[in-house]
Amino acid sequence: MSIQGVCLRVGVFTPLLSQFSLDDVLTKLERYGIRTVELGTGNYPGDAHCKLAMLDDAAALQKFKDKIETRGFAISVR
């Protein structure tokens, strides 16, 4: 989104949609032109869309990264 030369990236905190699969969440967000997600990884927000166990499983981690990237999404880092 750009307003007078200023770029604003809108993202969604996916634990708010934890009742849906990650694929369904990405599909819903695509409909609104949202391409940035912030993922919960445990404790209070839960880990419905991003299990930290992926860090010990290279294949699972790559599959997760591919799913995010091939659909044109970025993970919020701030």
PDB file of N, CA and C in Angstrom:
ATOM      1  N   MET A   1       0.852  -1.163   0.000  1.00  0.00           N
ATOM      2  CA  MET A   1       0.000   0.000   0.000  1.00  0.00           C
ATOM      3  C   MET A   1       0.903   1.232   0.000  1.00  0.00           C
ATOM      4  N   SER A   2       0.611   2.187  -0.824  1.00  0.00           N
ATOM      5  CA  SER A   2       1.448   3.367  -0.900  1.00  0.00           C
ATOM      6  C   SER A   2       0.584   4.623  -0.873  1.00  0.00           C
ATOM      7  N   ILE A   3       0.890   5.516   0.036  1.00  0.00           N
ATOM      8  CA  ILE A   3       0.177   6.785   0.153  1.00  0.00           C
ATOM      9  C   ILE A   3       1.217   7.889   0.075  1.00  0.00           C
ATOM     10  N   GLN A   4       1.160   8.694  -0.991  1.00  0.00           N
ATOM     11  CA  GLN A   4       2.086   9.798  -1.204  1.00  0.00           C
ATOM     12  C   GLN A   4       3.542   9.368  -1.028  1.00  0.00           C
ATOM     13  N   GLY A   5       3.884   8.256  -1.646  1.00  0.00           N
ATOM     14  CA  GLY A   5       5.258   7.793  -1.628  1.00  0.00           C
ATOM     15  C   GLY A   5       5.685   7.065  -0.375  1.00  0.00           C
ATOM     16  N   VAL A   6       4.805   6.920   0.591  1.00  0.00           N
ATOM     17  CA  VAL A   6       5.134   6.195   1.823  1.00  0.00           C
ATOM     18  C   VAL A   6       4.568   4.785   1.708  1.00  0.00           C
ATOM     19  N   CYS A   7       5.395   3.795   1.949  1.00  0.00           N
ATOM     20  CA  CYS A   7       4.975   2.402   1.850  1.00  0.00           C
ATOM     21  C   CYS A   7       4.553   1.895   3.225  1.00  0.00           C
ATOM     22  N   LEU A   8       3.373   1.335   3.296  1.00  0.00           N
ATOM     23  CA  LEU A   8       2.860   0.783   4.540  1.00  0.00           C
ATOM     24  C   LEU A   8       2.566  -0.686   4.321  1.00  0.00           C
ATOM     25  N   ARG A   9       3.236  -1.536   5.062  1.00  0.00           N
ATOM     26  CA  ARG A   9       3.008  -2.970   4.966  1.00  0.00           C
ATOM     27  C   ARG A   9       2.023  -3.366   6.060  1.00  0.00           C
ATOM     28  N   VAL A  10       0.911  -3.948   5.660  1.00  0.00           N
ATOM     29  CA  VAL A  10      -0.102  -4.408   6.603  1.00  0.00           C
ATOM     30  C   VAL A  10       0.081  -5.905   6.785  1.00  0.00           C
ATOM     31  N   GLY A  11       0.134  -6.343   8.026  1.00  0.00           N
ATOM     32  CA  GLY A  11       0.275  -7.761   8.320  1.00  0.00           C
ATOM     33  C   GLY A  11      -0.774  -8.212   9.312  1.00  0.00           C
ATOM     34  N   VAL A  12      -0.853  -9.514   9.480  1.00  0.00           N
ATOM     35  CA  VAL A  12      -1.816 -10.096  10.409  1.00  0.00           C
ATOM     36  C   VAL A  12      -1.098 -11.049  11.352  1.00  0.00           C
ATOM     37  N   PHE A  13      -1.456 -10.963  12.627  1.00  0.00           N
ATOM     38  CA  PHE A  13      -0.964 -11.854  13.671  1.00  0.00           C
ATOM     39  C   PHE A  13      -1.798 -13.131  13.571  1.00  0.00           C
ATOM     40  N   THR A  14      -1.237 -14.174  12.975  1.00  0.00           N
ATOM     41  CA  THR A  14      -2.021 -15.351  12.611  1.00  0.00           C
ATOM     42  C   THR A  14      -2.644 -16.121  13.780  1.00  0.00           C
ATOM     43  N   PRO A  15      -2.134 -16.052  15.019  1.00  0.00           N
ATOM     44  CA  PRO A  15      -2.834 -16.758  16.093  1.00  0.00           C
ATOM     45  C   PRO A  15      -4.288 -16.323  16.255  1.00  0.00           C
ATOM     46  N   LEU A  16      -4.629 -15.140  15.779  1.00  0.00           N
ATOM     47  CA  LEU A  16      -6.016 -14.701  15.832  1.00  0.00           C
ATOM     48  C   LEU A  16      -6.906 -15.556  14.934  1.00  0.00           C
ATOM     49  N   LEU A  17      -6.283 -16.290  14.027  1.00  0.00           N
ATOM     50  CA  LEU A  17      -7.013 -17.167  13.109  1.00  0.00           C
ATOM     51  C   LEU A  17      -6.616 -18.628  13.317  1.00  0.00           C
ATOM     52  N   SER A  18      -6.283 -18.988  14.546  1.00  0.00           N
ATOM     53  CA  SER A  18      -5.746 -20.322  14.829  1.00  0.00           C
ATOM     54  C   SER A  18      -6.735 -21.453  14.562  1.00  0.00           C
ATOM     55  N   GLN A  19      -8.015 -21.143  14.426  1.00  0.00           N
ATOM     56  CA  GLN A  19      -9.000 -22.178  14.137  1.00  0.00           C
ATOM     57  C   GLN A  19      -8.937 -22.638  12.682  1.00  0.00           C
ATOM     58  N   PHE A  20      -8.175 -21.916  11.860  1.00  0.00           N
ATOM     59  CA  PHE A  20      -8.009 -22.260  10.449  1.00  0.00           C
ATOM     60  C   PHE A  20      -6.609 -22.807  10.211  1.00  0.00           C
ATOM     61  N   SER A  21      -6.469 -23.623   9.168  1.00  0.00           N
ATOM     62  CA  SER A  21      -5.140 -24.115   8.785  1.00  0.00           C
ATOM     63  C   SER A  21      -4.326 -22.954   8.216  1.00  0.00           C
ATOM     64  N   LEU A  22      -3.021 -23.118   8.157  1.00  0.00           N
ATOM     65  CA  LEU A  22      -2.173 -22.072   7.581  1.00  0.00           C
ATOM     66  C   LEU A  22      -2.557 -21.808   6.130  1.00  0.00           C
ATOM     67  N   ASP A  23      -2.843 -22.854   5.371  1.00  0.00           N
ATOM     68  CA  ASP A  23      -3.256 -22.664   3.979  1.00  0.00           C
ATOM     69  C   ASP A  23      -4.511 -21.811   3.886  1.00  0.00           C
ATOM     70  N   ASP A  24      -5.488 -22.091   4.749  1.00  0.00           N
ATOM     71  CA  ASP A  24      -6.725 -21.306   4.738  1.00  0.00           C
ATOM     72  C   ASP A  24      -6.479 -19.851   5.143  1.00  0.00           C
ATOM     73  N   VAL A  25      -5.600 -19.651   6.117  1.00  0.00           N
ATOM     74  CA  VAL A  25      -5.273 -18.287   6.550  1.00  0.00           C
ATOM     75  C   VAL A  25      -4.639 -17.513   5.399  1.00  0.00           C
ATOM     76  N   LEU A  26      -3.680 -18.128   4.720  1.00  0.00           N
ATOM     77  CA  LEU A  26      -3.014 -17.445   3.610  1.00  0.00           C
ATOM     78  C   LEU A  26      -4.005 -17.117   2.492  1.00  0.00           C
ATOM     79  N   THR A  27      -4.921 -18.026   2.225  1.00  0.00           N
ATOM     80  CA  THR A  27      -5.944 -17.788   1.198  1.00  0.00           C
ATOM     81  C   THR A  27      -6.825 -16.602   1.587  1.00  0.00           C
ATOM     82  N   LYS A  28      -7.250 -16.556   2.838  1.00  0.00           N
ATOM     83  CA  LYS A  28      -8.089 -15.449   3.313  1.00  0.00           C
ATOM     84  C   LYS A  28      -7.350 -14.117   3.200  1.00  0.00           C
ATOM     85  N   LEU A  29      -6.080 -14.101   3.605  1.00  0.00           N
ATOM     86  CA  LEU A  29      -5.312 -12.862   3.574  1.00  0.00           C
ATOM     87  C   LEU A  29      -5.045 -12.404   2.149  1.00  0.00           C
ATOM     88  N   GLU A  30      -4.826 -13.352   1.242  1.00  0.00           N
ATOM     89  CA  GLU A  30      -4.616 -13.005  -0.172  1.00  0.00           C
ATOM     90  C   GLU A  30      -5.800 -12.218  -0.724  1.00  0.00           C
ATOM     91  N   ARG A  31      -6.980 -12.599  -0.317  1.00  0.00           N
ATOM     92  CA  ARG A  31      -8.197 -11.924  -0.803  1.00  0.00           C
ATOM     93  C   ARG A  31      -8.210 -10.437  -0.454  1.00  0.00           C
ATOM     94  N   TYR A  32      -7.523 -10.077   0.621  1.00  0.00           N
ATOM     95  CA  TYR A  32      -7.480  -8.681   1.071  1.00  0.00           C
ATOM     96  C   TYR A  32      -6.181  -7.980   0.690  1.00  0.00           C
ATOM     97  N   GLY A  33      -5.348  -8.660  -0.072  1.00  0.00           N
ATOM     98  CA  GLY A  33      -4.089  -8.064  -0.499  1.00  0.00           C
ATOM     99  C   GLY A  33      -3.049  -7.996   0.605  1.00  0.00           C
ATOM    100  N   ILE A  34      -3.246  -8.761   1.659  1.00  0.00           N
ATOM    101  CA  ILE A  34      -2.293  -8.784   2.774  1.00  0.00           C
ATOM    102  C   ILE A  34      -1.259  -9.852   2.495  1.00  0.00           C
ATOM    103  N   ARG A  35       0.011  -9.471   2.561  1.00  0.00           N
ATOM    104  CA  ARG A  35       1.105 -10.387   2.225  1.00  0.00           C
ATOM    105  C   ARG A  35       2.151 -10.512   3.323  1.00  0.00           C
ATOM    106  N   THR A  36       1.829 -10.063   4.523  1.00  0.00           N
ATOM    107  CA  THR A  36       2.764 -10.174   5.644  1.00  0.00           C
ATOM    108  C   THR A  36       2.057 -10.841   6.808  1.00  0.00           C
ATOM    109  N   VAL A  37       2.739 -11.816   7.413  1.00  0.00           N
ATOM    110  CA  VAL A  37       2.172 -12.525   8.561  1.00  0.00           C
ATOM    111  C   VAL A  37       3.150 -12.488   9.725  1.00  0.00           C
ATOM    112  N   GLU A  38       2.590 -12.477  10.915  1.00  0.00           N
ATOM    113  CA  GLU A  38       3.372 -12.650  12.135  1.00  0.00           C
ATOM    114  C   GLU A  38       2.847 -13.921  12.770  1.00  0.00           C
ATOM    115  N   LEU A  39       3.733 -14.856  13.021  1.00  0.00           N
ATOM    116  CA  LEU A  39       3.350 -16.192  13.455  1.00  0.00           C
ATOM    117  C   LEU A  39       3.609 -16.397  14.942  1.00  0.00           C
ATOM    118  N   GLY A  40       2.654 -16.994  15.626  1.00  0.00           N
ATOM    119  CA  GLY A  40       2.877 -17.400  17.008  1.00  0.00           C
ATOM    120  C   GLY A  40       3.696 -18.681  17.021  1.00  0.00           C
ATOM    121  N   THR A  41       4.575 -18.809  17.990  1.00  0.00           N
ATOM    122  CA  THR A  41       5.424 -20.002  18.062  1.00  0.00           C
ATOM    123  C   THR A  41       5.340 -20.693  19.417  1.00  0.00           C
ATOM    124  N   GLY A  42       4.275 -20.432  20.156  1.00  0.00           N
ATOM    125  CA  GLY A  42       4.086 -21.127  21.421  1.00  0.00           C
ATOM    126  C   GLY A  42       3.668 -20.196  22.538  1.00  0.00           C
ATOM    127  N   ASN A  43       3.557 -20.763  23.736  1.00  0.00           N
ATOM    128  CA  ASN A  43       3.108 -20.053  24.927  1.00  0.00           C
ATOM    129  C   ASN A  43       1.773 -19.376  24.692  1.00  0.00           C
ATOM    130  N   TYR A  44       1.610 -18.132  25.073  1.00  0.00           N
ATOM    131  CA  TYR A  44       0.311 -17.470  25.030  1.00  0.00           C
ATOM    132  C   TYR A  44      -0.372 -17.509  23.661  1.00  0.00           C
ATOM    133  N   PRO A  45       0.291 -17.114  22.562  1.00  0.00           N
ATOM    134  CA  PRO A  45      -0.460 -17.105  21.298  1.00  0.00           C
ATOM    135  C   PRO A  45      -0.643 -18.493  20.686  1.00  0.00           C
ATOM    136  N   GLY A  46       0.061 -19.470  21.183  1.00  0.00           N
ATOM    137  CA  GLY A  46      -0.029 -20.802  20.601  1.00  0.00           C
ATOM    138  C   GLY A  46       0.868 -20.947  19.382  1.00  0.00           C
ATOM    139  N   ASP A  47       0.854 -22.142  18.812  1.00  0.00           N
ATOM    140  CA  ASP A  47       1.726 -22.428  17.667  1.00  0.00           C
ATOM    141  C   ASP A  47       0.971 -23.144  16.544  1.00  0.00           C
ATOM    142  N   ALA A  48      -0.275 -22.758  16.342  1.00  0.00           N
ATOM    143  CA  ALA A  48      -1.123 -23.427  15.351  1.00  0.00           C
ATOM    144  C   ALA A  48      -0.533 -23.407  13.939  1.00  0.00           C
ATOM    145  N   HIS A  49       0.230 -22.387  13.605  1.00  0.00           N
ATOM    146  CA  HIS A  49       0.735 -22.246  12.232  1.00  0.00           C
ATOM    147  C   HIS A  49       2.246 -22.389  12.120  1.00  0.00           C
ATOM    148  N   CYS A  50       2.951 -22.462  13.242  1.00  0.00           N
ATOM    149  CA  CYS A  50       4.417 -22.517  13.197  1.00  0.00           C
ATOM    150  C   CYS A  50       4.942 -23.270  14.406  1.00  0.00           C
ATOM    151  N   LYS A  51       5.233 -24.528  14.212  1.00  0.00           N
ATOM    152  CA  LYS A  51       5.757 -25.380  15.284  1.00  0.00           C
ATOM    153  C   LYS A  51       7.280 -25.245  15.338  1.00  0.00           C
ATOM    154  N   LEU A  52       7.809 -24.950  16.520  1.00  0.00           N
ATOM    155  CA  LEU A  52       9.263 -24.803  16.659  1.00  0.00           C
ATOM    156  C   LEU A  52      10.000 -26.118  16.410  1.00  0.00           C
ATOM    157  N   ALA A  53       9.317 -27.235  16.485  1.00  0.00           N
ATOM    158  CA  ALA A  53       9.941 -28.528  16.197  1.00  0.00           C
ATOM    159  C   ALA A  53      10.497 -28.572  14.779  1.00  0.00           C
ATOM    160  N   MET A  54      10.004 -27.688  13.899  1.00  0.00           N
ATOM    161  CA  MET A  54      10.527 -27.626  12.528  1.00  0.00           C
ATOM    162  C   MET A  54      12.013 -27.305  12.505  1.00  0.00           C
ATOM    163  N   LEU A  55      12.502 -26.655  13.543  1.00  0.00           N
ATOM    164  CA  LEU A  55      13.919 -26.300  13.580  1.00  0.00           C
ATOM    165  C   LEU A  55      14.810 -27.536  13.636  1.00  0.00           C
ATOM    166  N   ASP A  56      14.249 -28.653  14.074  1.00  0.00           N
ATOM    167  CA  ASP A  56      15.008 -29.906  14.142  1.00  0.00           C
ATOM    168  C   ASP A  56      14.736 -30.817  12.953  1.00  0.00           C
ATOM    169  N   ASP A  57      13.929 -30.377  12.015  1.00  0.00           N
ATOM    170  CA  ASP A  57      13.548 -31.192  10.869  1.00  0.00           C
ATOM    171  C   ASP A  57      13.705 -30.349   9.602  1.00  0.00           C
ATOM    172  N   ALA A  58      14.841 -30.513   8.944  1.00  0.00           N
ATOM    173  CA  ALA A  58      15.166 -29.675   7.782  1.00  0.00           C
ATOM    174  C   ALA A  58      14.100 -29.759   6.685  1.00  0.00           C
ATOM    175  N   ALA A  59      13.557 -30.942   6.452  1.00  0.00           N
ATOM    176  CA  ALA A  59      12.551 -31.102   5.403  1.00  0.00           C
ATOM    177  C   ALA A  59      11.269 -30.361   5.761  1.00  0.00           C
ATOM    178  N   ALA A  60      10.829 -30.467   7.012  1.00  0.00           N
ATOM    179  CA  ALA A  60       9.612 -29.775   7.454  1.00  0.00           C
ATOM    180  C   ALA A  60       9.803 -28.265   7.409  1.00  0.00           C
ATOM    181  N   LEU A  61      10.986 -27.807   7.806  1.00  0.00           N
ATOM    182  CA  LEU A  61      11.275 -26.374   7.774  1.00  0.00           C
ATOM    183  C   LEU A  61      11.260 -25.851   6.337  1.00  0.00           C
ATOM    184  N   GLN A  62      11.862 -26.601   5.413  1.00  0.00           N
ATOM    185  CA  GLN A  62      11.886 -26.180   4.013  1.00  0.00           C
ATOM    186  C   GLN A  62      10.481 -26.153   3.422  1.00  0.00           C
ATOM    187  N   LYS A  63       9.672 -27.142   3.755  1.00  0.00           N
ATOM    188  CA  LYS A  63       8.284 -27.182   3.274  1.00  0.00           C
ATOM    189  C   LYS A  63       7.511 -25.960   3.772  1.00  0.00           C
ATOM    190  N   PHE A  64       7.710 -25.604   5.046  1.00  0.00           N
ATOM    191  CA  PHE A  64       7.055 -24.439   5.629  1.00  0.00           C
ATOM    192  C   PHE A  64       7.499 -23.162   4.925  1.00  0.00           C
ATOM    193  N   LYS A  65       8.815 -22.998   4.755  1.00  0.00           N
ATOM    194  CA  LYS A  65       9.343 -21.810   4.093  1.00  0.00           C
ATOM    195  C   LYS A  65       8.844 -21.703   2.656  1.00  0.00           C
ATOM    196  N   ASP A  66       8.804 -22.826   1.966  1.00  0.00           N
ATOM    197  CA  ASP A  66       8.321 -22.835   0.581  1.00  0.00           C
ATOM    198  C   ASP A  66       6.854 -22.408   0.515  1.00  0.00           C
ATOM    199  N   LYS A  67       6.055 -22.883   1.466  1.00  0.00           N
ATOM    200  CA  LYS A  67       4.631 -22.538   1.483  1.00  0.00           C
ATOM    201  C   LYS A  67       4.449 -21.028   1.625  1.00  0.00           C
ATOM    202  N   ILE A  68       5.209 -20.418   2.503  1.00  0.00           N
ATOM    203  CA  ILE A  68       5.119 -18.976   2.733  1.00  0.00           C
ATOM    204  C   ILE A  68       5.615 -18.211   1.506  1.00  0.00           C
ATOM    205  N   GLU A  69       6.779 -18.574   1.013  1.00  0.00           N
ATOM    206  CA  GLU A  69       7.421 -17.844  -0.075  1.00  0.00           C
ATOM    207  C   GLU A  69       6.735 -18.015  -1.420  1.00  0.00           C
ATOM    208  N   THR A  70       6.306 -19.231  -1.755  1.00  0.00           N
ATOM    209  CA  THR A  70       5.699 -19.451  -3.069  1.00  0.00           C
ATOM    210  C   THR A  70       4.345 -18.761  -3.192  1.00  0.00           C
ATOM    211  N   ARG A  71       3.725 -18.480  -2.058  1.00  0.00           N
ATOM    212  CA  ARG A  71       2.446 -17.765  -2.092  1.00  0.00           C
ATOM    213  C   ARG A  71       2.644 -16.262  -2.013  1.00  0.00           C
ATOM    214  N   GLY A  72       3.909 -15.821  -1.967  1.00  0.00           N
ATOM    215  CA  GLY A  72       4.202 -14.397  -2.007  1.00  0.00           C
ATOM    216  C   GLY A  72       4.108 -13.694  -0.668  1.00  0.00           C
ATOM    217  N   PHE A  73       4.216 -14.441   0.430  1.00  0.00           N
ATOM    218  CA  PHE A  73       4.124 -13.849   1.750  1.00  0.00           C
ATOM    219  C   PHE A  73       5.496 -13.616   2.350  1.00  0.00           C
ATOM    220  N   ALA A  74       5.540 -12.674   3.273  1.00  0.00           N
ATOM    221  CA  ALA A  74       6.740 -12.403   4.072  1.00  0.00           C
ATOM    222  C   ALA A  74       6.367 -12.565   5.537  1.00  0.00           C
ATOM    223  N   ILE A  75       7.333 -12.945   6.340  1.00  0.00           N
ATOM    224  CA  ILE A  75       7.119 -13.057   7.781  1.00  0.00           C
ATOM    225  C   ILE A  75       7.611 -11.772   8.427  1.00  0.00           C
ATOM    226  N   SER A  76       6.745 -11.184   9.223  1.00  0.00           N
ATOM    227  CA  SER A  76       7.095  -9.942   9.924  1.00  0.00           C
ATOM    228  C   SER A  76       8.240 -10.204  10.878  1.00  0.00           C
ATOM    229  N   VAL A  77       9.206  -9.322  10.874  1.00  0.00           N
ATOM    230  CA  VAL A  77      10.358  -9.461  11.765  1.00  0.00           C
ATOM    231  C   VAL A  77      10.449  -8.320  12.765  1.00  0.00           C
ATOM    232  N   ARG A  78       9.489  -7.448  12.761  1.00  0.00           N
ATOM    233  CA  ARG A  78       9.504  -6.323  13.702  1.00  0.00           C
ATOM    234  C   ARG A  78       8.214  -6.239  14.424  1.00  0.00           C
TER     235      ARG A  78
END
